[in-house]
PDB file of N, CA and C in Angstrom:
ATOM      1  N   MET A   1     -13.873   3.067   0.751  1.00  0.00           N
ATOM      2  CA  MET A   1     -13.273   3.737  -0.345  1.00  0.00           C
ATOM      3  C   MET A   1     -11.764   3.393  -0.398  1.00  0.00           C
ATOM      4  N   ILE A   2     -11.236   3.173  -1.634  1.00  0.00           N
ATOM      5  CA  ILE A   2      -9.830   2.802  -1.774  1.00  0.00           C
ATOM      6  C   ILE A   2      -9.173   3.956  -2.670  1.00  0.00           C
ATOM      7  N   ALA A   3      -8.043   4.491  -2.139  1.00  0.00           N
ATOM      8  CA  ALA A   3      -7.358   5.434  -2.845  1.00  0.00           C
ATOM      9  C   ALA A   3      -6.128   4.755  -3.542  1.00  0.00           C
ATOM     10  N   HIS A   4      -5.996   4.966  -4.779  1.00  0.00           N
ATOM     11  CA  HIS A   4      -4.742   4.466  -5.495  1.00  0.00           C
ATOM     12  C   HIS A   4      -3.867   5.705  -5.716  1.00  0.00           C
ATOM     13  N   VAL A   5      -2.678   5.684  -5.088  1.00  0.00           N
ATOM     14  CA  VAL A   5      -1.803   6.876  -4.975  1.00  0.00           C
ATOM     15  C   VAL A   5      -0.549   6.566  -5.757  1.00  0.00           C
ATOM     16  N   ALA A   6      -0.165   7.482  -6.609  1.00  0.00           N
ATOM     17  CA  ALA A   6       1.097   7.387  -7.284  1.00  0.00           C
ATOM     18  C   ALA A   6       1.927   8.525  -7.278  1.00  0.00           C
ATOM     19  N   LEU A   7       3.206   8.443  -6.910  1.00  0.00           N
ATOM     20  CA  LEU A   7       4.153   9.476  -6.947  1.00  0.00           C
ATOM     21  C   LEU A   7       5.028   9.317  -8.172  1.00  0.00           C
ATOM     22  N   LEU A   8       4.984  10.288  -8.989  1.00  0.00           N
ATOM     23  CA  LEU A   8       5.650  10.126 -10.354  1.00  0.00           C
ATOM     24  C   LEU A   8       6.767  11.106 -10.652  1.00  0.00           C
ATOM     25  N   GLN A   9       7.826  10.649 -11.157  1.00  0.00           N
ATOM     26  CA  GLN A   9       8.943  11.332 -11.613  1.00  0.00           C
ATOM     27  C   GLN A   9       9.214  11.119 -13.076  1.00  0.00           C
ATOM     28  N   PRO A  10       8.809  12.127 -14.004  1.00  0.00           N
ATOM     29  CA  PRO A  10       9.077  11.873 -15.384  1.00  0.00           C
ATOM     30  C   PRO A  10      10.584  11.893 -15.779  1.00  0.00           C
ATOM     31  N   LYS A  11      10.944  11.281 -16.795  1.00  0.00           N
ATOM     32  CA  LYS A  11      12.335  11.399 -17.251  1.00  0.00           C
ATOM     33  C   LYS A  11      12.480  12.741 -17.771  1.00  0.00           C
ATOM     34  N   PRO A  12      13.676  13.328 -17.403  1.00  0.00           N
ATOM     35  CA  PRO A  12      13.942  14.818 -17.845  1.00  0.00           C
ATOM     36  C   PRO A  12      14.027  14.936 -19.310  1.00  0.00           C
ATOM     37  N   GLU A  13      14.417  13.919 -20.041  1.00  0.00           N
ATOM     38  CA  GLU A  13      14.667  14.125 -21.454  1.00  0.00           C
ATOM     39  C   GLU A  13      13.399  13.936 -22.313  1.00  0.00           C
ATOM     40  N   LEU A  14      12.286  13.814 -21.720  1.00  0.00           N
ATOM     41  CA  LEU A  14      11.011  13.526 -22.537  1.00  0.00           C
ATOM     42  C   LEU A  14      10.799  14.672 -23.565  1.00  0.00           C
ATOM     43  N   SER A  15      10.343  14.372 -24.641  1.00  0.00           N
ATOM     44  CA  SER A  15      10.004  15.322 -25.593  1.00  0.00           C
ATOM     45  C   SER A  15       8.563  15.871 -25.325  1.00  0.00           C
ATOM     46  N   SER A  16       8.180  16.913 -25.877  1.00  0.00           N
ATOM     47  CA  SER A  16       6.776  17.292 -25.679  1.00  0.00           C
ATOM     48  C   SER A  16       5.749  16.468 -26.228  1.00  0.00           C
ATOM     49  N   SER A  17       6.104  15.762 -27.308  1.00  0.00           N
ATOM     50  CA  SER A  17       5.158  14.763 -27.837  1.00  0.00           C
ATOM     51  C   SER A  17       5.047  13.545 -26.951  1.00  0.00           C
ATOM     52  N   GLU A  18       6.129  13.125 -26.258  1.00  0.00           N
ATOM     53  CA  GLU A  18       6.037  12.065 -25.281  1.00  0.00           C
ATOM     54  C   GLU A  18       5.234  12.450 -24.056  1.00  0.00           C
ATOM     55  N   ARG A  19       5.435  13.656 -23.676  1.00  0.00           N
ATOM     56  CA  ARG A  19       4.652  14.192 -22.494  1.00  0.00           C
ATOM     57  C   ARG A  19       3.207  14.210 -22.883  1.00  0.00           C
ATOM     58  N   ALA A  20       2.888  14.700 -24.080  1.00  0.00           N
ATOM     59  CA  ALA A  20       1.509  14.730 -24.492  1.00  0.00           C
ATOM     60  C   ALA A  20       0.847  13.373 -24.711  1.00  0.00           C
ATOM     61  N   ALA A  21       1.628  12.364 -25.090  1.00  0.00           N
ATOM     62  CA  ALA A  21       1.181  10.971 -25.208  1.00  0.00           C
ATOM     63  C   ALA A  21       0.865  10.433 -23.850  1.00  0.00           C
ATOM     64  N   PHE A  22       1.587  10.757 -22.830  1.00  0.00           N
ATOM     65  CA  PHE A  22       1.377  10.203 -21.505  1.00  0.00           C
ATOM     66  C   PHE A  22       0.123  10.910 -20.905  1.00  0.00           C
ATOM     67  N   LEU A  23      -0.080  12.183 -21.079  1.00  0.00           N
ATOM     68  CA  LEU A  23      -1.268  12.852 -20.677  1.00  0.00           C
ATOM     69  C   LEU A  23      -2.439  12.337 -21.330  1.00  0.00           C
ATOM     70  N   GLU A  24      -2.368  12.135 -22.582  1.00  0.00           N
ATOM     71  CA  GLU A  24      -3.589  11.490 -23.333  1.00  0.00           C
ATOM     72  C   GLU A  24      -3.918  10.151 -22.892  1.00  0.00           C
ATOM     73  N   ALA A  25      -2.893   9.345 -22.534  1.00  0.00           N
ATOM     74  CA  ALA A  25      -3.191   7.988 -22.029  1.00  0.00           C
ATOM     75  C   ALA A  25      -3.867   8.082 -20.694  1.00  0.00           C
ATOM     76  N   PHE A  26      -3.366   8.958 -19.817  1.00  0.00           N
ATOM     77  CA  PHE A  26      -3.911   9.123 -18.419  1.00  0.00           C
ATOM     78  C   PHE A  26      -5.344   9.614 -18.623  1.00  0.00           C
ATOM     79  N   GLU A  27      -5.604  10.576 -19.358  1.00  0.00           N
ATOM     80  CA  GLU A  27      -7.009  11.191 -19.581  1.00  0.00           C
ATOM     81  C   GLU A  27      -7.914  10.092 -20.162  1.00  0.00           C
ATOM     82  N   ARG A  28      -7.400   9.319 -21.063  1.00  0.00           N
ATOM     83  CA  ARG A  28      -8.279   8.263 -21.601  1.00  0.00           C
ATOM     84  C   ARG A  28      -8.596   7.259 -20.525  1.00  0.00           C
ATOM     85  N   ALA A  29      -7.644   6.783 -19.845  1.00  0.00           N
ATOM     86  CA  ALA A  29      -7.907   5.848 -18.674  1.00  0.00           C
ATOM     87  C   ALA A  29      -8.981   6.402 -17.716  1.00  0.00           C
ATOM     88  N   ILE A  30      -8.796   7.578 -17.254  1.00  0.00           N
ATOM     89  CA  ILE A  30      -9.769   8.113 -16.298  1.00  0.00           C
ATOM     90  C   ILE A  30     -11.192   8.365 -16.913  1.00  0.00           C
ATOM     91  N   ARG A  31     -11.213   8.628 -18.227  1.00  0.00           N
ATOM     92  CA  ARG A  31     -12.498   8.779 -18.861  1.00  0.00           C
ATOM     93  C   ARG A  31     -13.232   7.464 -19.153  1.00  0.00           C
ATOM     94  N   ASP A  32     -12.459   6.569 -19.696  1.00  0.00           N
ATOM     95  CA  ASP A  32     -12.965   5.190 -20.206  1.00  0.00           C
ATOM     96  C   ASP A  32     -13.218   4.196 -19.097  1.00  0.00           C
ATOM     97  N   ILE A  33     -12.608   4.300 -18.031  1.00  0.00           N
ATOM     98  CA  ILE A  33     -12.804   3.324 -16.843  1.00  0.00           C
ATOM     99  C   ILE A  33     -13.784   3.811 -15.921  1.00  0.00           C
ATOM    100  N   PRO A  34     -15.013   3.131 -15.918  1.00  0.00           N
ATOM    101  CA  PRO A  34     -16.064   3.711 -15.192  1.00  0.00           C
ATOM    102  C   PRO A  34     -15.985   3.581 -13.640  1.00  0.00           C
ATOM    103  N   GLU A  35     -15.048   2.766 -13.274  1.00  0.00           N
ATOM    104  CA  GLU A  35     -14.925   2.447 -11.749  1.00  0.00           C
ATOM    105  C   GLU A  35     -14.191   3.643 -11.044  1.00  0.00           C
ATOM    106  N   VAL A  36     -13.546   4.572 -11.852  1.00  0.00           N
ATOM    107  CA  VAL A  36     -12.845   5.652 -11.235  1.00  0.00           C
ATOM    108  C   VAL A  36     -13.899   6.657 -10.695  1.00  0.00           C
ATOM    109  N   ARG A  37     -13.902   6.889  -9.424  1.00  0.00           N
ATOM    110  CA  ARG A  37     -14.834   7.831  -8.770  1.00  0.00           C
ATOM    111  C   ARG A  37     -14.335   9.272  -8.641  1.00  0.00           C
ATOM    112  N   ALA A  38     -13.163   9.486  -8.401  1.00  0.00           N
ATOM    113  CA  ALA A  38     -12.581  10.861  -8.236  1.00  0.00           C
ATOM    114  C   ALA A  38     -11.024  10.883  -8.643  1.00  0.00           C
ATOM    115  N   VAL A  39     -10.584  11.980  -9.150  1.00  0.00           N
ATOM    116  CA  VAL A  39      -9.215  12.149  -9.583  1.00  0.00           C
ATOM    117  C   VAL A  39      -8.614  13.357  -8.959  1.00  0.00           C
ATOM    118  N   LYS A  40      -7.444  13.217  -8.305  1.00  0.00           N
ATOM    119  CA  LYS A  40      -6.707  14.397  -7.844  1.00  0.00           C
ATOM    120  C   LYS A  40      -5.287  14.367  -8.405  1.00  0.00           C
ATOM    121  N   VAL A  41      -4.805  15.430  -8.894  1.00  0.00           N
ATOM    122  CA  VAL A  41      -3.440  15.488  -9.467  1.00  0.00           C
ATOM    123  C   VAL A  41      -2.738  16.638  -8.663  1.00  0.00           C
ATOM    124  N   GLY A  42      -1.531  16.553  -8.320  1.00  0.00           N
ATOM    125  CA  GLY A  42      -0.777  17.546  -7.667  1.00  0.00           C
ATOM    126  C   GLY A  42       0.651  17.675  -8.304  1.00  0.00           C
ATOM    127  N   ALA A  43       1.162  18.905  -8.298  1.00  0.00           N
ATOM    128  CA  ALA A  43       2.538  19.198  -8.634  1.00  0.00           C
ATOM    129  C   ALA A  43       3.287  19.519  -7.365  1.00  0.00           C
ATOM    130  N   ARG A  44       4.452  18.870  -7.137  1.00  0.00           N
ATOM    131  CA  ARG A  44       5.215  19.035  -5.940  1.00  0.00           C
ATOM    132  C   ARG A  44       5.597  20.517  -5.645  1.00  0.00           C
ATOM    133  N   VAL A  45       5.466  20.798  -4.387  1.00  0.00           N
ATOM    134  CA  VAL A  45       5.901  22.123  -3.837  1.00  0.00           C
ATOM    135  C   VAL A  45       6.949  21.887  -2.877  1.00  0.00           C
ATOM    136  N   THR A  46       8.078  22.569  -3.013  1.00  0.00           N
ATOM    137  CA  THR A  46       9.185  22.479  -2.042  1.00  0.00           C
ATOM    138  C   THR A  46       9.247  23.861  -1.332  1.00  0.00           C
ATOM    139  N   HIS A  47       9.623  23.802  -0.026  1.00  0.00           N
ATOM    140  CA  HIS A  47       9.751  25.014   0.778  1.00  0.00           C
ATOM    141  C   HIS A  47      10.797  24.879   1.878  1.00  0.00           C
ATOM    142  N   SER A  48      11.735  24.179   1.621  1.00  0.00           N
ATOM    143  CA  SER A  48      12.967  23.892   2.611  1.00  0.00           C
ATOM    144  C   SER A  48      12.505  23.285   3.839  1.00  0.00           C
ATOM    145  N   ALA A  49      11.411  22.525   3.910  1.00  0.00           N
ATOM    146  CA  ALA A  49      11.163  21.840   5.145  1.00  0.00           C
ATOM    147  C   ALA A  49      12.088  20.662   5.322  1.00  0.00           C
ATOM    148  N   GLY A  50      12.382  20.342   6.555  1.00  0.00           N
ATOM    149  CA  GLY A  50      13.430  19.292   6.861  1.00  0.00           C
ATOM    150  C   GLY A  50      13.092  17.977   6.355  1.00  0.00           C
ATOM    151  N   TYR A  51      11.770  17.617   6.233  1.00  0.00           N
ATOM    152  CA  TYR A  51      11.424  16.299   5.727  1.00  0.00           C
ATOM    153  C   TYR A  51      11.668  16.222   4.249  1.00  0.00           C
ATOM    154  N   GLU A  52      11.864  17.243   3.552  1.00  0.00           N
ATOM    155  CA  GLU A  52      12.061  17.143   2.075  1.00  0.00           C
ATOM    156  C   GLU A  52      13.481  16.509   1.753  1.00  0.00           C
ATOM    157  N   GLN A  53      14.336  16.598   2.749  1.00  0.00           N
ATOM    158  CA  GLN A  53      15.707  16.019   2.519  1.00  0.00           C
ATOM    159  C   GLN A  53      15.586  14.567   2.394  1.00  0.00           C
ATOM    160  N   GLY A  54      16.317  13.934   1.497  1.00  0.00           N
ATOM    161  CA  GLY A  54      16.345  12.534   1.363  1.00  0.00           C
ATOM    162  C   GLY A  54      15.096  11.707   0.885  1.00  0.00           C
ATOM    163  N   MET A  55      13.998  12.558   0.481  1.00  0.00           N
ATOM    164  CA  MET A  55      12.866  11.897  -0.047  1.00  0.00           C
ATOM    165  C   MET A  55      13.172  11.489  -1.514  1.00  0.00           C
ATOM    166  N   PRO A  56      12.495  10.460  -1.956  1.00  0.00           N
ATOM    167  CA  PRO A  56      12.660  10.060  -3.464  1.00  0.00           C
ATOM    168  C   PRO A  56      12.112  11.205  -4.401  1.00  0.00           C
ATOM    169  N   ASP A  57      12.682  11.273  -5.447  1.00  0.00           N
ATOM    170  CA  ASP A  57      12.261  12.277  -6.444  1.00  0.00           C
ATOM    171  C   ASP A  57      10.748  11.867  -6.962  1.00  0.00           C
ATOM    172  N   ALA A  58       9.928  12.814  -6.767  1.00  0.00           N
ATOM    173  CA  ALA A  58       8.600  12.794  -7.254  1.00  0.00           C
ATOM    174  C   ALA A  58       7.995  14.160  -7.605  1.00  0.00           C
ATOM    175  N   ASP A  59       7.809  14.510  -8.752  1.00  0.00           N
ATOM    176  CA  ASP A  59       7.324  15.835  -9.144  1.00  0.00           C
ATOM    177  C   ASP A  59       5.764  15.934  -9.257  1.00  0.00           C
ATOM    178  N   PHE A  60       5.086  14.681  -9.332  1.00  0.00           N
ATOM    179  CA  PHE A  60       3.674  14.741  -9.481  1.00  0.00           C
ATOM    180  C   PHE A  60       3.058  13.699  -8.593  1.00  0.00           C
ATOM    181  N   LEU A  61       1.871  13.929  -8.098  1.00  0.00           N
ATOM    182  CA  LEU A  61       0.953  13.095  -7.313  1.00  0.00           C
ATOM    183  C   LEU A  61      -0.236  12.794  -8.060  1.00  0.00           C
ATOM    184  N   VAL A  62      -0.710  11.483  -8.060  1.00  0.00           N
ATOM    185  CA  VAL A  62      -2.009  11.244  -8.696  1.00  0.00           C
ATOM    186  C   VAL A  62      -2.768  10.378  -7.653  1.00  0.00           C
ATOM    187  N   VAL A  63      -3.965  10.794  -7.381  1.00  0.00           N
ATOM    188  CA  VAL A  63      -4.796   9.910  -6.412  1.00  0.00           C
ATOM    189  C   VAL A  63      -6.095   9.674  -7.177  1.00  0.00           C
ATOM    190  N   LEU A  64      -6.357   8.386  -7.308  1.00  0.00           N
ATOM    191  CA  LEU A  64      -7.640   7.979  -7.853  1.00  0.00           C
ATOM    192  C   LEU A  64      -8.424   7.157  -6.892  1.00  0.00           C
ATOM    193  N   ASP A  65      -9.652   7.589  -6.749  1.00  0.00           N
ATOM    194  CA  ASP A  65     -10.594   6.950  -5.669  1.00  0.00           C
ATOM    195  C   ASP A  65     -11.544   5.898  -6.332  1.00  0.00           C
ATOM    196  N   PHE A  66     -11.629   4.759  -5.688  1.00  0.00           N
ATOM    197  CA  PHE A  66     -12.526   3.703  -6.023  1.00  0.00           C
ATOM    198  C   PHE A  66     -13.439   3.249  -4.913  1.00  0.00           C
ATOM    199  N   ASP A  67     -14.575   2.733  -5.264  1.00  0.00           N
ATOM    200  CA  ASP A  67     -15.560   2.313  -4.201  1.00  0.00           C
ATOM    201  C   ASP A  67     -15.018   1.150  -3.338  1.00  0.00           C
ATOM    202  N   ASP A  68     -14.232   0.302  -3.940  1.00  0.00           N
ATOM    203  CA  ASP A  68     -13.846  -0.871  -3.200  1.00  0.00           C
ATOM    204  C   ASP A  68     -12.590  -1.555  -4.099  1.00  0.00           C
ATOM    205  N   LEU A  69     -12.161  -2.695  -3.425  1.00  0.00           N
ATOM    206  CA  LEU A  69     -11.009  -3.341  -4.034  1.00  0.00           C
ATOM    207  C   LEU A  69     -11.356  -3.979  -5.426  1.00  0.00           C
ATOM    208  N   GLU A  70     -12.584  -4.407  -5.556  1.00  0.00           N
ATOM    209  CA  GLU A  70     -12.978  -5.020  -6.843  1.00  0.00           C
ATOM    210  C   GLU A  70     -12.987  -3.965  -7.914  1.00  0.00           C
ATOM    211  N   SER A  71     -13.362  -2.703  -7.614  1.00  0.00           N
ATOM    212  CA  SER A  71     -13.384  -1.664  -8.551  1.00  0.00           C
ATOM    213  C   SER A  71     -11.874  -1.322  -8.954  1.00  0.00           C
ATOM    214  N   LEU A  72     -11.007  -1.204  -7.939  1.00  0.00           N
ATOM    215  CA  LEU A  72      -9.694  -1.096  -8.242  1.00  0.00           C
ATOM    216  C   LEU A  72      -9.056  -2.142  -9.172  1.00  0.00           C
ATOM    217  N   ARG A  73      -9.414  -3.375  -8.919  1.00  0.00           N
ATOM    218  CA  ARG A  73      -8.978  -4.488  -9.675  1.00  0.00           C
ATOM    219  C   ARG A  73      -9.410  -4.423 -11.102  1.00  0.00           C
ATOM    220  N   SER A  74     -10.659  -4.001 -11.277  1.00  0.00           N
ATOM    221  CA  SER A  74     -11.243  -3.792 -12.603  1.00  0.00           C
ATOM    222  C   SER A  74     -10.478  -2.634 -13.345  1.00  0.00           C
ATOM    223  N   TYR A  75     -10.195  -1.522 -12.714  1.00  0.00           N
ATOM    224  CA  TYR A  75      -9.372  -0.580 -13.286  1.00  0.00           C
ATOM    225  C   TYR A  75      -7.968  -1.063 -13.708  1.00  0.00           C
ATOM    226  N   LEU A  76      -7.344  -1.749 -12.847  1.00  0.00           N
ATOM    227  CA  LEU A  76      -5.940  -2.190 -13.198  1.00  0.00           C
ATOM    228  C   LEU A  76      -5.965  -3.212 -14.442  1.00  0.00           C
ATOM    229  N   ALA A  77      -7.032  -3.964 -14.553  1.00  0.00           N
ATOM    230  CA  ALA A  77      -7.160  -4.960 -15.552  1.00  0.00           C
ATOM    231  C   ALA A  77      -7.561  -4.300 -16.975  1.00  0.00           C
ATOM    232  N   HIS A  78      -8.107  -3.126 -16.969  1.00  0.00           N
ATOM    233  CA  HIS A  78      -8.720  -2.473 -18.080  1.00  0.00           C
ATOM    234  C   HIS A  78      -7.634  -2.117 -19.151  1.00  0.00           C
ATOM    235  N   PRO A  79      -7.971  -2.325 -20.411  1.00  0.00           N
ATOM    236  CA  PRO A  79      -6.955  -2.044 -21.462  1.00  0.00           C
ATOM    237  C   PRO A  79      -6.407  -0.608 -21.446  1.00  0.00           C
ATOM    238  N   SER A  80      -7.158   0.291 -21.113  1.00  0.00           N
ATOM    239  CA  SER A  80      -6.755   1.696 -21.090  1.00  0.00           C
ATOM    240  C   SER A  80      -5.637   1.891 -19.973  1.00  0.00           C
ATOM    241  N   HIS A  81      -5.860   1.069 -18.824  1.00  0.00           N
ATOM    242  CA  HIS A  81      -4.756   1.197 -17.776  1.00  0.00           C
ATOM    243  C   HIS A  81      -3.528   0.398 -18.218  1.00  0.00           C
ATOM    244  N   GLN A  82      -3.747  -0.662 -18.904  1.00  0.00           N
ATOM    245  CA  GLN A  82      -2.596  -1.428 -19.398  1.00  0.00           C
ATOM    246  C   GLN A  82      -1.758  -0.546 -20.362  1.00  0.00           C
ATOM    247  N   GLU A  83      -2.400   0.195 -21.178  1.00  0.00           N
ATOM    248  CA  GLU A  83      -1.639   1.124 -21.996  1.00  0.00           C
ATOM    249  C   GLU A  83      -0.905   2.151 -21.202  1.00  0.00           C
ATOM    250  N   LEU A  84      -1.564   2.735 -20.232  1.00  0.00           N
ATOM    251  CA  LEU A  84      -0.879   3.660 -19.287  1.00  0.00           C
ATOM    252  C   LEU A  84       0.319   3.064 -18.531  1.00  0.00           C
ATOM    253  N   GLY A  85       0.112   1.901 -18.124  1.00  0.00           N
ATOM    254  CA  GLY A  85       1.222   1.145 -17.489  1.00  0.00           C
ATOM    255  C   GLY A  85       2.503   0.972 -18.293  1.00  0.00           C
ATOM    256  N   THR A  86       2.242   0.755 -19.576  1.00  0.00           N
ATOM    257  CA  THR A  86       3.386   0.620 -20.551  1.00  0.00           C
ATOM    258  C   THR A  86       4.077   1.904 -20.560  1.00  0.00           C
ATOM    259  N   LEU A  87       3.413   3.009 -20.654  1.00  0.00           N
ATOM    260  CA  LEU A  87       3.979   4.319 -20.711  1.00  0.00           C
ATOM    261  C   LEU A  87       4.723   4.668 -19.387  1.00  0.00           C
ATOM    262  N   PHE A  88       4.255   4.194 -18.300  1.00  0.00           N
ATOM    263  CA  PHE A  88       4.962   4.343 -16.859  1.00  0.00           C
ATOM    264  C   PHE A  88       6.430   3.888 -17.105  1.00  0.00           C
ATOM    265  N   GLY A  89       6.587   2.662 -17.662  1.00  0.00           N
ATOM    266  CA  GLY A  89       7.962   2.128 -17.837  1.00  0.00           C
ATOM    267  C   GLY A  89       8.751   2.855 -18.800  1.00  0.00           C
ATOM    268  N   ARG A  90       8.131   3.426 -19.780  1.00  0.00           N
ATOM    269  CA  ARG A  90       8.842   4.101 -20.945  1.00  0.00           C
ATOM    270  C   ARG A  90       9.255   5.641 -20.460  1.00  0.00           C
ATOM    271  N   TYR A  91       8.261   6.269 -19.785  1.00  0.00           N
ATOM    272  CA  TYR A  91       8.484   7.716 -19.715  1.00  0.00           C
ATOM    273  C   TYR A  91       8.808   8.204 -18.285  1.00  0.00           C
ATOM    274  N   LEU A  92       8.773   7.345 -17.334  1.00  0.00           N
ATOM    275  CA  LEU A  92       8.984   7.710 -15.915  1.00  0.00           C
ATOM    276  C   LEU A  92      10.465   7.233 -15.410  1.00  0.00           C
ATOM    277  N   SER A  93      11.093   8.083 -14.811  1.00  0.00           N
ATOM    278  CA  SER A  93      12.417   7.532 -14.132  1.00  0.00           C
ATOM    279  C   SER A  93      12.044   6.899 -12.851  1.00  0.00           C
ATOM    280  N   SER A  94      11.034   7.172 -12.233  1.00  0.00           N
ATOM    281  CA  SER A  94      10.622   6.489 -10.891  1.00  0.00           C
ATOM    282  C   SER A  94       9.067   6.734 -10.658  1.00  0.00           C
ATOM    283  N   ALA A  95       8.518   5.689 -10.029  1.00  0.00           N
ATOM    284  CA  ALA A  95       7.125   5.846  -9.588  1.00  0.00           C
ATOM    285  C   ALA A  95       6.983   4.973  -8.398  1.00  0.00           C
ATOM    286  N   LEU A  96       6.254   5.491  -7.451  1.00  0.00           N
ATOM    287  CA  LEU A  96       5.893   4.769  -6.277  1.00  0.00           C
ATOM    288  C   LEU A  96       4.345   4.684  -6.298  1.00  0.00           C
ATOM    289  N   VAL A  97       3.794   3.549  -6.151  1.00  0.00           N
ATOM    290  CA  VAL A  97       2.303   3.344  -6.269  1.00  0.00           C
ATOM    291  C   VAL A  97       1.862   2.572  -5.017  1.00  0.00           C
ATOM    292  N   TYR A  98       0.935   3.116  -4.374  1.00  0.00           N
ATOM    293  CA  TYR A  98       0.336   2.445  -3.148  1.00  0.00           C
ATOM    294  C   TYR A  98      -1.172   2.496  -3.273  1.00  0.00           C
ATOM    295  N   ASP A  99      -1.805   1.536  -2.526  1.00  0.00           N
ATOM    296  CA  ASP A  99      -3.265   1.591  -2.356  1.00  0.00           C
ATOM    297  C   ASP A  99      -3.581   1.655  -0.991  1.00  0.00           C
ATOM    298  N   PHE A 100      -4.647   2.524  -0.569  1.00  0.00           N
ATOM    299  CA  PHE A 100      -5.021   2.744   0.761  1.00  0.00           C
ATOM    300  C   PHE A 100      -6.528   2.637   0.904  1.00  0.00           C
ATOM    301  N   GLU A 101      -6.971   1.975   2.100  1.00  0.00           N
ATOM    302  CA  GLU A 101      -8.335   2.088   2.380  1.00  0.00           C
ATOM    303  C   GLU A 101      -8.464   3.500   3.112  1.00  0.00           C
ATOM    304  N   THR A 102      -9.455   4.262   2.703  1.00  0.00           N
ATOM    305  CA  THR A 102      -9.582   5.604   3.226  1.00  0.00           C
ATOM    306  C   THR A 102     -10.916   5.821   4.074  1.00  0.00           C
ATOM    307  N   GLY A 103     -10.920   6.733   4.914  1.00  0.00           N
ATOM    308  CA  GLY A 103     -12.117   6.981   5.718  1.00  0.00           C
ATOM    309  C   GLY A 103     -11.689   8.076   6.679  1.00  0.00           C
ATOM    310  N   GLY A 104     -12.291   8.024   7.840  1.00  0.00           N
ATOM    311  CA  GLY A 104     -11.993   8.994   8.889  1.00  0.00           C
ATOM    312  C   GLY A 104     -10.909   8.583   9.867  1.00  0.00           C
ATOM    313  N   THR A 105     -10.642   9.367  10.869  1.00  0.00           N
ATOM    314  CA  THR A 105      -9.472   9.186  11.731  1.00  0.00           C
ATOM    315  C   THR A 105      -9.725   7.860  12.505  1.00  0.00           C
ATOM    316  N   GLU A 106     -10.855   7.190  12.494  1.00  0.00           N
ATOM    317  CA  GLU A 106     -10.940   5.889  13.092  1.00  0.00           C
ATOM    318  C   GLU A 106      -9.895   4.810  12.524  1.00  0.00           C
ATOM    319  N   LEU A 107      -9.568   5.106  11.280  1.00  0.00           N
ATOM    320  CA  LEU A 107      -8.565   4.018  10.739  1.00  0.00           C
ATOM    321  C   LEU A 107      -7.189   4.192  11.435  1.00  0.00           C
ATOM    322  N   LEU A 108      -6.890   5.287  12.138  1.00  0.00           N
ATOM    323  CA  LEU A 108      -5.578   5.417  12.911  1.00  0.00           C
ATOM    324  C   LEU A 108      -5.612   4.494  14.074  1.00  0.00           C
ATOM    325  N   ARG A 109      -6.748   3.959  14.528  1.00  0.00           N
ATOM    326  CA  ARG A 109      -6.851   3.052  15.683  1.00  0.00           C
ATOM    327  C   ARG A 109      -6.112   1.807  15.293  1.00  0.00           C
ATOM    328  N   ARG A 110      -5.968   1.499  13.999  1.00  0.00           N
ATOM    329  CA  ARG A 110      -5.123   0.386  13.551  1.00  0.00           C
ATOM    330  C   ARG A 110      -3.657   0.574  13.856  1.00  0.00           C
ATOM    331  N   PHE A 111      -3.244   1.830  14.106  1.00  0.00           N
ATOM    332  CA  PHE A 111      -1.889   2.084  14.382  1.00  0.00           C
ATOM    333  C   PHE A 111      -1.486   1.577  15.757  1.00  0.00           C
ATOM    334  N   THR A 112      -2.439   1.433  16.815  1.00  0.00           N
ATOM    335  CA  THR A 112      -2.048   0.959  18.077  1.00  0.00           C
ATOM    336  C   THR A 112      -2.131  -0.618  18.190  1.00  0.00           C
TER     337      THR A 112
END
């Protein structure tokens, strides 16, 4: 399984119509692209933990799951994702995007 992880920081000056356009493009991408297996979205929670200091700004988390790298590549090439990518540049002040192979704790063996 491959997890496509994005940490997102919207521009503070976005209008409600721009926010709606971004949400519509995201929902269209996850609906229209059959390779998407699961979707998780989170809103950041802060609670004065020491690790929060110095972290890049990111108010939202998006995790999309794919069966394999080929499925992720199909998603990235899909026109609905291309549209969403355009809005990333227009509506986000920052975004960090990573891809991870996911599984059980056995993957931590690569750490050693």
